[in-house]
Protein backbone atom coordinates (compact mmCIF):
# COMPACT_ATOMS: atom_id res chain seq x y z
CA MET A 1 -0.09 0.07 0.09
CA LYS A 2 1.35 3.79 -0.56
CA PHE A 3 0.18 6.48 1.80
CA SER A 4 1.01 10.19 1.12
CA ILE A 5 1.01 12.17 4.50
CA ASP A 6 1.69 15.87 5.10
CA LEU A 7 2.05 16.28 8.60
CA ASN A 8 4.44 18.21 10.97
CA LEU A 9 3.86 17.11 14.82
CA GLY A 10 4.88 13.43 15.18
CA ARG A 11 5.52 13.36 11.35
CA LEU A 12 8.87 11.39 11.80
CA THR A 13 7.16 9.29 14.27
CA LEU A 14 4.43 7.96 11.75
CA VAL A 15 6.56 7.76 9.11
CA ALA A 16 8.99 5.33 11.15
CA LEU A 17 5.63 3.42 12.12
CA LEU A 18 4.38 2.93 8.71
CA VAL A 19 7.89 1.68 7.44
CA TYR A 20 8.02 -0.87 10.29
CA LEU A 21 4.64 -2.07 9.22
CA GLY A 22 6.02 -2.60 5.45
CA ILE A 23 4.23 0.17 4.24
CA SER A 24 5.70 2.70 1.99
CA VAL A 25 5.31 6.30 2.62
CA GLN A 26 5.60 9.37 0.30
CA ILE A 27 6.47 12.42 2.07
CA GLN A 28 5.13 15.41 0.23
CA ALA A 29 6.49 18.23 2.09
CA GLN A 30 10.10 19.17 1.81
CA THR A 31 12.37 16.48 3.36
CA LEU A 32 16.24 17.04 4.13
CA LEU A 33 18.18 14.02 4.23
CA LYS A 34 21.46 14.75 6.51
CA PRO A 35 24.05 11.83 6.26
CA ASP A 36 27.71 12.17 7.20
CA ARG A 37 28.68 12.47 3.52
CA VAL A 38 27.00 12.12 0.14
CA PHE A 39 28.10 10.19 -3.09
CA ASP A 40 26.22 12.09 -5.99
CA GLY A 41 26.99 9.37 -8.57
CA THR A 42 30.61 10.35 -9.61
CA GLU A 43 32.37 11.39 -6.41
CA ILE A 44 32.06 11.53 -2.43
CA HIS A 45 30.90 14.95 -0.42
CA GLU A 46 31.50 15.40 2.83
CA ASN A 47 28.76 17.43 4.80
CA TRP A 48 26.49 17.77 2.19
CA VAL A 49 22.39 17.26 2.60
CA VAL A 50 19.96 16.29 -0.23
CA LEU A 51 16.43 17.75 -0.22
CA VAL A 52 13.66 15.79 -1.44
CA GLU A 53 10.07 17.09 -2.62
CA GLY A 54 7.61 14.58 -3.68
CA ASN A 55 9.41 12.15 -5.97
CA LYS A 56 12.32 14.64 -6.99
CA ILE A 57 15.40 16.00 -5.47
CA THR A 58 15.29 19.70 -5.55
CA TYR A 59 18.71 20.43 -3.70
CA VAL A 60 22.10 18.74 -3.35
CA GLY A 61 24.99 20.33 -1.77
CA ASN A 62 26.47 22.13 1.50
CA LEU A 63 24.07 23.15 4.22
CA GLU A 64 25.90 26.20 5.38
CA GLY A 65 24.35 29.58 4.21
CA ARG A 66 21.10 27.68 3.19
CA THR A 67 17.64 28.15 4.43
CA PHE A 68 14.65 26.14 4.02
CA PRO A 69 10.75 26.52 4.45
CA LYS A 70 9.38 26.13 7.97
CA ALA A 71 7.37 22.80 7.01
CA THR A 72 10.71 21.24 5.94
CA THR A 73 11.38 18.16 8.01
CA GLU A 74 14.94 17.01 8.81
CA MET A 75 16.07 13.25 8.83
CA ASP A 76 19.18 12.82 10.45
CA LEU A 77 21.24 9.48 9.04
CA PRO A 78 24.35 9.92 11.25
CA GLY A 79 27.23 7.59 10.43
CA THR A 80 26.17 6.96 6.70
CA THR A 81 26.71 7.55 2.97
CA LEU A 82 23.86 8.74 0.92
CA MET A 83 23.92 7.70 -2.50
CA PRO A 84 21.46 7.02 -5.73
CA GLY A 85 19.72 3.77 -5.73
CA ILE A 86 21.63 0.87 -6.97
CA ILE A 87 20.76 -0.14 -10.65
CA GLU A 88 21.41 -3.83 -10.93
CA GLY A 89 22.36 -4.90 -14.54
CA HIS A 90 21.75 -8.54 -14.90
CA SER A 91 19.38 -10.21 -12.57
CA HIS A 92 16.50 -13.21 -12.82
CA LEU A 93 13.60 -12.28 -10.54
CA LEU A 94 12.10 -15.70 -11.54
CA LEU A 95 15.20 -17.69 -10.40
CA HIS A 96 16.38 -18.90 -7.27
CA PRO A 97 20.00 -20.20 -6.11
CA TYR A 98 20.87 -23.36 -7.90
CA ASN A 99 22.03 -24.99 -4.70
CA GLU A 100 18.50 -25.28 -3.68
CA THR A 101 17.21 -26.28 -6.89
CA ASP A 102 18.88 -26.51 -10.23
CA TRP A 103 18.01 -24.67 -13.24
CA ASN A 104 16.70 -27.79 -14.98
CA ASP A 105 14.16 -27.98 -12.13
CA GLN A 106 13.24 -25.00 -11.88
CA VAL A 107 12.55 -24.65 -15.62
CA LEU A 108 10.56 -28.09 -15.64
CA LYS A 109 9.19 -28.40 -12.36
CA GLU A 110 8.02 -25.02 -10.95
CA SER A 111 5.35 -23.77 -12.50
CA PRO A 112 4.95 -19.93 -13.80
CA VAL A 113 2.72 -19.50 -10.78
CA GLU A 114 4.94 -20.38 -8.42
CA ARG A 115 7.80 -18.70 -9.81
CA ALA A 116 5.53 -15.44 -10.02
CA ILE A 117 5.18 -15.73 -6.19
CA ARG A 118 8.98 -16.32 -5.55
CA GLY A 119 9.48 -13.13 -7.77
CA THR A 120 7.39 -11.16 -5.69
CA VAL A 121 9.57 -12.14 -2.82
CA HIS A 122 12.57 -11.58 -4.91
CA ALA A 123 11.43 -8.19 -5.91
CA LYS A 124 11.02 -6.94 -2.24
CA ASN A 125 14.29 -8.37 -0.79
CA SER A 126 16.19 -6.54 -3.85
CA LEU A 127 14.53 -3.17 -2.93
CA MET A 128 15.41 -3.56 0.41
CA ALA A 129 19.01 -4.53 -0.02
CA GLY A 130 19.11 -1.17 -2.04
CA ILE A 131 18.38 -2.01 -5.38
CA THR A 132 15.77 0.48 -6.92
CA THR A 133 16.25 -0.12 -10.67
CA MET A 134 17.17 -3.26 -12.01
CA ARG A 135 17.55 -5.00 -15.77
CA ASP A 136 15.72 -8.69 -15.39
CA LEU A 137 17.45 -10.44 -18.36
CA GLY A 138 15.36 -13.56 -19.10
CA ALA A 139 12.15 -15.42 -17.52
CA GLU A 140 14.06 -18.50 -18.20
CA GLY A 141 11.06 -20.59 -19.13
CA ALA A 142 8.32 -18.45 -17.50
CA GLY A 143 7.28 -16.80 -20.54
CA TYR A 144 6.17 -13.23 -20.05
CA THR A 145 5.58 -13.42 -16.18
CA ASP A 146 8.58 -10.81 -15.49
CA VAL A 147 6.42 -8.47 -17.86
CA TYR A 148 3.66 -8.99 -15.32
CA LEU A 149 5.65 -8.79 -12.22
CA LYS A 150 6.91 -5.36 -13.55
CA LYS A 151 3.38 -4.17 -14.06
CA THR A 152 2.17 -4.99 -10.37
CA ILE A 153 5.06 -3.19 -9.03
CA GLU A 154 4.26 -0.27 -11.08
CA GLN A 155 0.72 -0.36 -10.05
CA GLY A 156 1.87 -0.39 -6.22
CA ILE A 157 0.45 -3.87 -5.81
CA ILE A 158 3.82 -5.14 -4.50
CA PRO A 159 7.01 -3.29 -3.67
CA GLY A 160 10.08 -3.91 -5.84
CA PRO A 161 12.66 -1.85 -7.98
CA ARG A 162 11.99 -0.47 -11.24
CA LEU A 163 12.31 -3.30 -13.77
CA LEU A 164 13.60 -3.40 -17.18
CA VAL A 165 12.53 -6.68 -18.85
CA ALA A 166 13.67 -9.15 -21.47
CA GLY A 167 10.98 -11.42 -21.50
CA PRO A 168 11.69 -14.67 -22.63
CA ALA A 169 15.00 -14.17 -24.38
CA ILE A 170 16.11 -15.47 -27.83
CA VAL A 171 18.17 -18.56 -28.58
CA ALA A 172 19.15 -20.31 -31.70
CA THR A 173 17.08 -23.62 -32.34
CA GLY A 174 18.81 -26.53 -30.64
CA ALA A 175 21.29 -24.46 -28.61
CA TYR A 176 19.61 -23.97 -25.26
CA GLY A 177 18.34 -26.30 -22.66
CA PRO A 178 16.76 -28.02 -20.47
CA LYS A 179 18.72 -31.03 -22.68
CA GLY A 180 19.29 -34.72 -21.98
CA PHE A 181 16.01 -36.17 -23.32
CA HIS A 182 15.55 -38.64 -26.36
CA ASP A 183 14.28 -36.98 -29.39
CA GLY A 184 10.63 -37.86 -28.97
CA VAL A 185 10.20 -35.91 -25.94
CA THR A 186 8.87 -32.30 -26.21
CA VAL A 187 10.42 -30.35 -23.34
CA PRO A 188 9.88 -26.71 -21.98
CA LEU A 189 12.80 -24.63 -22.90
CA GLY A 190 14.17 -21.94 -21.07
CA ALA A 191 14.04 -19.15 -23.84
CA GLU A 192 12.44 -18.73 -27.11
CA THR A 193 14.01 -20.70 -30.30
CA VAL A 194 14.80 -19.00 -33.95
CA SER A 195 16.34 -20.10 -36.88
CA GLY A 196 16.69 -17.63 -39.85
CA LYS A 197 16.61 -14.13 -40.42
CA GLU A 198 12.71 -14.10 -40.90
CA GLU A 199 11.97 -15.96 -37.86
CA ALA A 200 14.43 -14.00 -35.76
CA ILE A 201 12.81 -10.59 -37.12
CA ARG A 202 9.38 -12.04 -36.34
CA THR A 203 10.24 -13.03 -32.76
CA VAL A 204 11.81 -9.89 -31.56
CA ARG A 205 8.68 -8.09 -32.91
CA THR A 206 6.37 -10.41 -31.05
CA GLN A 207 8.53 -10.08 -27.92
CA MET A 208 8.52 -6.12 -27.99
CA GLY A 209 4.64 -6.40 -28.47
CA ASN A 210 4.05 -8.57 -25.54
CA GLY A 211 5.96 -5.92 -23.25
CA ALA A 212 9.53 -6.79 -23.58
CA ASP A 213 11.76 -3.54 -22.82
CA LEU A 214 14.81 -4.67 -24.39
CA ILE A 215 15.88 -8.19 -26.37
CA LYS A 216 18.07 -10.58 -25.13
CA ILE A 217 20.02 -13.10 -27.49
CA TYR A 218 22.31 -16.03 -26.78
CA ALA A 219 25.27 -15.32 -29.26
CA ASP A 220 26.78 -18.27 -28.07
CA TYR A 221 26.10 -21.64 -25.93
CA ARG A 222 26.76 -25.33 -25.49
CA TRP A 223 24.69 -27.35 -28.11
CA THR A 224 25.28 -30.36 -26.04
CA PRO A 225 25.59 -30.69 -22.31
CA GLY A 226 29.02 -30.45 -20.96
CA ALA A 227 30.40 -29.22 -24.25
CA ASP A 228 32.07 -25.73 -24.63
CA SER A 229 30.28 -22.86 -25.67
CA GLN A 230 30.13 -22.19 -29.42
CA PRO A 231 28.63 -19.39 -31.69
CA THR A 232 24.97 -20.06 -32.21
CA PHE A 233 23.39 -16.91 -34.63
CA LEU A 234 24.76 -16.26 -38.01
CA GLN A 235 25.94 -12.67 -38.34
CA LYS A 236 22.85 -11.88 -40.59
CA GLU A 237 20.56 -13.31 -37.97
CA ILE A 238 22.15 -10.97 -35.08
CA ASP A 239 22.04 -7.92 -37.55
CA ALA A 240 18.46 -8.35 -38.24
CA MET A 241 17.46 -8.80 -34.61
CA VAL A 242 19.40 -5.58 -33.66
CA GLU A 243 18.09 -3.46 -36.70
CA THR A 244 14.40 -4.85 -35.77
CA ALA A 245 14.95 -3.76 -31.89
CA LYS A 246 16.47 -0.37 -33.09
CA SER A 247 13.48 0.46 -35.15
CA ALA A 248 11.17 0.12 -32.35
CA GLY A 249 13.40 2.52 -30.16
CA LYS A 250 14.70 -0.61 -28.10
CA TYR A 251 18.09 -2.48 -27.78
CA VAL A 252 19.71 -5.93 -27.53
CA VAL A 253 22.01 -7.27 -25.09
CA ALA A 254 24.05 -10.56 -25.46
CA HIS A 255 24.67 -13.77 -23.85
CA ALA A 256 28.16 -14.21 -25.01
CA SER A 257 31.49 -15.83 -23.64
CA THR A 258 33.60 -16.89 -26.55
CA PRO A 259 35.48 -14.51 -28.57
CA GLU A 260 33.95 -15.21 -32.08
CA GLY A 261 30.23 -14.89 -29.93
CA MET A 262 31.37 -11.85 -28.45
CA LYS A 263 32.74 -10.48 -31.96
CA ARG A 264 29.40 -11.30 -33.65
CA ALA A 265 27.25 -9.59 -31.31
CA ILE A 266 29.51 -6.31 -31.26
CA LEU A 267 29.31 -6.15 -34.96
CA GLY A 268 26.01 -6.67 -34.93
CA GLY A 269 25.33 -3.83 -32.83
CA VAL A 270 24.39 -4.97 -29.44
CA GLU A 271 24.61 -2.51 -26.39
CA THR A 272 25.97 -4.94 -23.75
CA ILE A 273 27.76 -8.19 -23.53
CA GLU A 274 26.71 -10.37 -20.67
CA HIS A 275 29.65 -12.47 -19.03
CA GLY A 276 32.32 -12.34 -21.66
CA ASP A 277 34.71 -14.94 -19.83
CA GLY A 278 36.64 -15.64 -22.75
CA GLY A 279 37.16 -12.05 -23.86
CA THR A 280 40.54 -10.95 -25.17
CA LEU A 281 41.88 -7.51 -25.27
CA GLU A 282 41.43 -7.29 -28.80
CA ILE A 283 37.47 -7.83 -28.07
CA PHE A 284 37.45 -5.44 -25.20
CA ASN A 285 38.87 -2.62 -27.17
CA MET A 286 36.40 -3.10 -30.02
CA MET A 287 33.54 -3.16 -27.25
CA LYS A 288 35.40 0.43 -25.90
CA GLU A 289 35.46 1.49 -29.22
CA LYS A 290 31.79 0.93 -30.31
CA GLY A 291 30.31 2.11 -26.72
CA ILE A 292 29.10 -1.56 -25.90
CA GLY A 293 29.45 -2.26 -22.20
CA LEU A 294 30.75 -5.48 -20.43
CA CYS A 295 28.52 -6.73 -17.51
CA PRO A 296 31.20 -9.58 -16.40
CA THR A 297 28.59 -11.38 -13.79
CA LEU A 298 31.62 -12.22 -11.50
CA ALA A 299 29.37 -13.28 -8.62
CA ALA A 300 27.79 -16.20 -10.68
CA GLY A 301 30.69 -17.81 -11.54
CA ASP A 302 32.00 -17.74 -8.07
CA ALA A 303 28.62 -19.08 -6.67
CA ILE A 304 28.35 -21.70 -9.30
CA THR A 305 32.00 -22.83 -8.65
CA GLN A 306 31.29 -23.13 -4.81
CA TYR A 307 27.92 -25.17 -5.44
CA GLN A 308 30.19 -27.53 -7.62
CA GLY A 309 32.18 -28.31 -4.31
CA TRP A 310 34.93 -25.37 -4.21
CA LYS A 311 35.52 -24.52 -0.31
CA LYS A 312 36.39 -20.95 -1.16
CA GLY A 313 39.00 -19.76 1.21
CA THR A 314 40.45 -23.30 1.82
CA ASP A 315 40.47 -24.98 -1.57
CA PRO A 316 42.90 -23.93 -4.42
CA GLU A 317 41.46 -21.51 -6.64
CA PRO A 318 39.77 -23.44 -9.69
CA GLN A 319 40.66 -22.76 -12.95
CA ARG A 320 37.21 -21.14 -13.87
CA ILE A 321 38.01 -18.60 -11.08
CA THR A 322 41.68 -17.85 -12.24
CA ASN A 323 40.43 -17.23 -15.97
CA LYS A 324 37.77 -15.04 -14.95
CA LYS A 325 40.16 -12.57 -13.04
CA LYS A 326 42.71 -12.71 -16.12
CA SER A 327 39.76 -11.46 -18.46
CA PHE A 328 38.43 -9.02 -15.95
CA LYS A 329 41.85 -7.66 -15.81
CA LEU A 330 41.92 -7.28 -19.49
CA ALA A 331 38.41 -5.53 -19.42
CA LEU A 332 39.92 -3.12 -17.05
CA GLU A 333 43.18 -2.48 -18.99
CA SER A 334 41.25 -1.77 -22.18
CA GLY A 335 38.69 0.91 -20.54
CA VAL A 336 35.54 -0.73 -21.57
CA GLN A 337 32.51 0.23 -19.48
CA ILE A 338 32.19 -2.47 -16.65
CA VAL A 339 28.55 -2.88 -16.20
CA PHE A 340 27.37 -3.81 -12.70
CA GLY A 341 25.26 -6.81 -12.63
CA GLY A 342 25.94 -10.21 -11.19
CA ASP A 343 23.43 -12.46 -12.55
CA VAL A 344 21.59 -12.71 -9.24
CA GLY A 345 19.09 -15.28 -8.94
CA VAL A 346 21.90 -17.68 -9.76
CA PHE A 347 22.53 -16.57 -6.14
CA THR A 348 20.26 -15.04 -3.33
CA HIS A 349 18.22 -12.27 -4.37
CA GLY A 350 19.22 -9.36 -2.00
CA GLU A 351 22.86 -10.32 -2.03
CA ASN A 352 23.68 -8.02 -4.91
CA TYR A 353 26.79 -6.65 -2.91
CA ARG A 354 28.36 -9.94 -3.67
CA GLU A 355 29.35 -8.42 -7.36
CA MET A 356 30.31 -5.22 -6.12
CA GLU A 357 32.89 -7.12 -3.57
CA LEU A 358 34.27 -9.39 -6.20
CA MET A 359 34.59 -6.29 -8.55
CA VAL A 360 36.64 -4.98 -5.96
CA ALA A 361 38.78 -7.77 -5.05
CA TYR A 362 39.39 -8.63 -9.02
CA GLY A 363 41.14 -5.35 -9.39
CA MET A 364 38.32 -2.28 -9.61
CA LYS A 365 38.53 0.96 -7.71
CA PRO A 366 35.94 1.15 -5.13
CA LEU A 367 34.84 4.41 -6.50
CA ASP A 368 34.56 3.05 -9.97
CA VAL A 369 32.34 0.06 -8.69
CA LEU A 370 30.07 2.78 -7.11
CA ILE A 371 29.93 4.56 -10.57
CA SER A 372 29.27 1.65 -12.41
CA ALA A 373 26.18 0.49 -10.08
CA THR A 374 24.74 4.26 -10.30
CA SER A 375 25.52 6.89 -12.87
CA GLY A 376 27.63 4.45 -15.31
CA ASN A 377 24.43 2.04 -15.35
CA ALA A 378 22.01 4.66 -15.58
CA LYS A 379 23.84 6.05 -18.57
CA MET A 380 23.82 2.61 -20.29
CA PHE A 381 20.55 1.97 -19.78
CA HIS A 382 19.29 5.39 -21.19
CA LEU A 383 17.58 6.03 -17.64
CA ASP A 384 18.18 9.86 -17.95
CA GLN A 385 16.83 10.83 -14.48
CA LEU A 386 18.30 8.05 -12.59
CA GLY A 387 21.91 7.17 -11.26
CA ASN A 388 22.78 10.75 -9.86
CA LEU A 389 21.93 12.69 -7.05
CA THR A 390 21.19 15.94 -8.76
CA GLU A 391 18.55 18.51 -8.99
CA GLY A 392 15.57 17.32 -10.81
CA PHE A 393 16.05 13.75 -11.06
CA LEU A 394 13.95 11.31 -9.63
CA ALA A 395 14.26 10.56 -5.79
CA ASP A 396 15.82 7.14 -5.65
CA ILE A 397 18.14 7.44 -2.95
CA ILE A 398 19.86 4.78 -0.22
CA ALA A 399 21.95 5.05 2.85
CA VAL A 400 24.62 2.67 3.93
CA LYS A 401 26.48 2.58 7.14
CA GLY A 402 29.98 3.83 6.87
CA ASN A 403 31.96 4.86 3.89
CA PRO A 404 32.00 2.23 0.94
CA LEU A 405 35.05 4.00 -0.68
CA LYS A 406 36.92 2.54 2.53
CA ASP A 407 35.46 -0.71 3.00
CA ILE A 408 32.92 -1.80 0.08
CA LYS A 409 31.28 -3.99 2.58
CA ALA A 410 29.49 -1.25 3.74
CA MET A 411 27.08 -1.88 0.95
CA ARG A 412 25.91 -4.90 2.48
CA GLU A 413 23.03 -3.61 4.62
CA PRO A 414 21.38 -0.26 3.59
CA VAL A 415 19.63 1.23 6.31
CA PHE A 416 17.61 3.57 4.24
CA VAL A 417 15.93 3.01 0.95
CA MET A 418 13.68 5.75 -0.99
CA LYS A 419 12.28 4.86 -4.38
CA ASP A 420 10.27 7.36 -6.36
CA GLY A 421 10.04 9.75 -3.07
CA TYR A 422 8.61 6.87 -1.08
CA VAL A 423 10.33 5.51 1.92
CA PHE A 424 10.75 1.56 2.11
CA LEU A 425 13.31 1.11 4.48
CA ASN A 426 14.44 3.44 7.46
CA ALA A 427 16.35 1.42 10.19
CA GLU A 428 18.05 4.87 11.35
């Protein structure tokens, strides 16, 4: 439920009570947020404040010499860093960790109804973790359930982040799963299959018409279980899907982990490459030249390797992790834009911070990680009123204890979450 209030006496007490009860609250009068420091999407500022009115930011800066109307409520957030809401770049709200139920069984045995119910919980957990916007890159066998999940959030029926959804995703015929059944069995697949230019165009148009905000394709994948990934689509098929999406004002992202699969996606004009495990310096330089972002999904590989038996911190580092560190280092060296996105759903929703911690552990500066997760992703995803704490921008704002520039683990537990001017969490 959403309640708009405009009270003075006892106003913050009422806000705290409603938030405690799980009711989001929008404060119509001016509210002055007073943390220890502000990360505005680009840099950290000490002793800054942020003024919110309705769902807009109306002032960001130093408090000295400023006067505000008498009705302005001051909300003290001591010991915190205030920042834009986090923008998650790669998620699957309709999946849950593979060590709970493997991917095949989620696709084959959990109905879209069950997965939608799980998705409502995942959406709330994401929001409470400070994720105010997220790209959901594939319903993984649940059709357009992500489109309807987005709709219920927008209508205020359930709490959750702003969503950009891809719907079913598109794969080449024969290249996706679940697999392992004889050829007489019809198996529900985790994505929509196409072959040929005409079918690819038709499917892109169908998905957009059914509510997809963007199109996700699989530029490479395993043709048989256990095999190495290989390119899937022909160049002309990728070119046609990208052209079709762009003509409708939308864009394409590509799952790609092989150099050839990445190259075809780049030449086709996708906007981001997801995973990129086998990327070379040459490939990353091509991406930088064309303004294509890399979403490395470090946390997914880290989680899956642990599910497979790796005792992190005790066992020797698996080759998969070593290789990922090397490719991520090459990406940083190239200067390609890094898109924050962990492939959450492979691991627990609400633990998006895992990706940030690994980005730092693998060599990225904490400031660059914060930029990637806020203003960088906003720019990459065409969100022109999000990602910065700037006058006139939408009031998607969070606060964390401590200073994440000194310790990125500060991102683990937000104490304040505001989305579109509504307070969803105030633990202060």
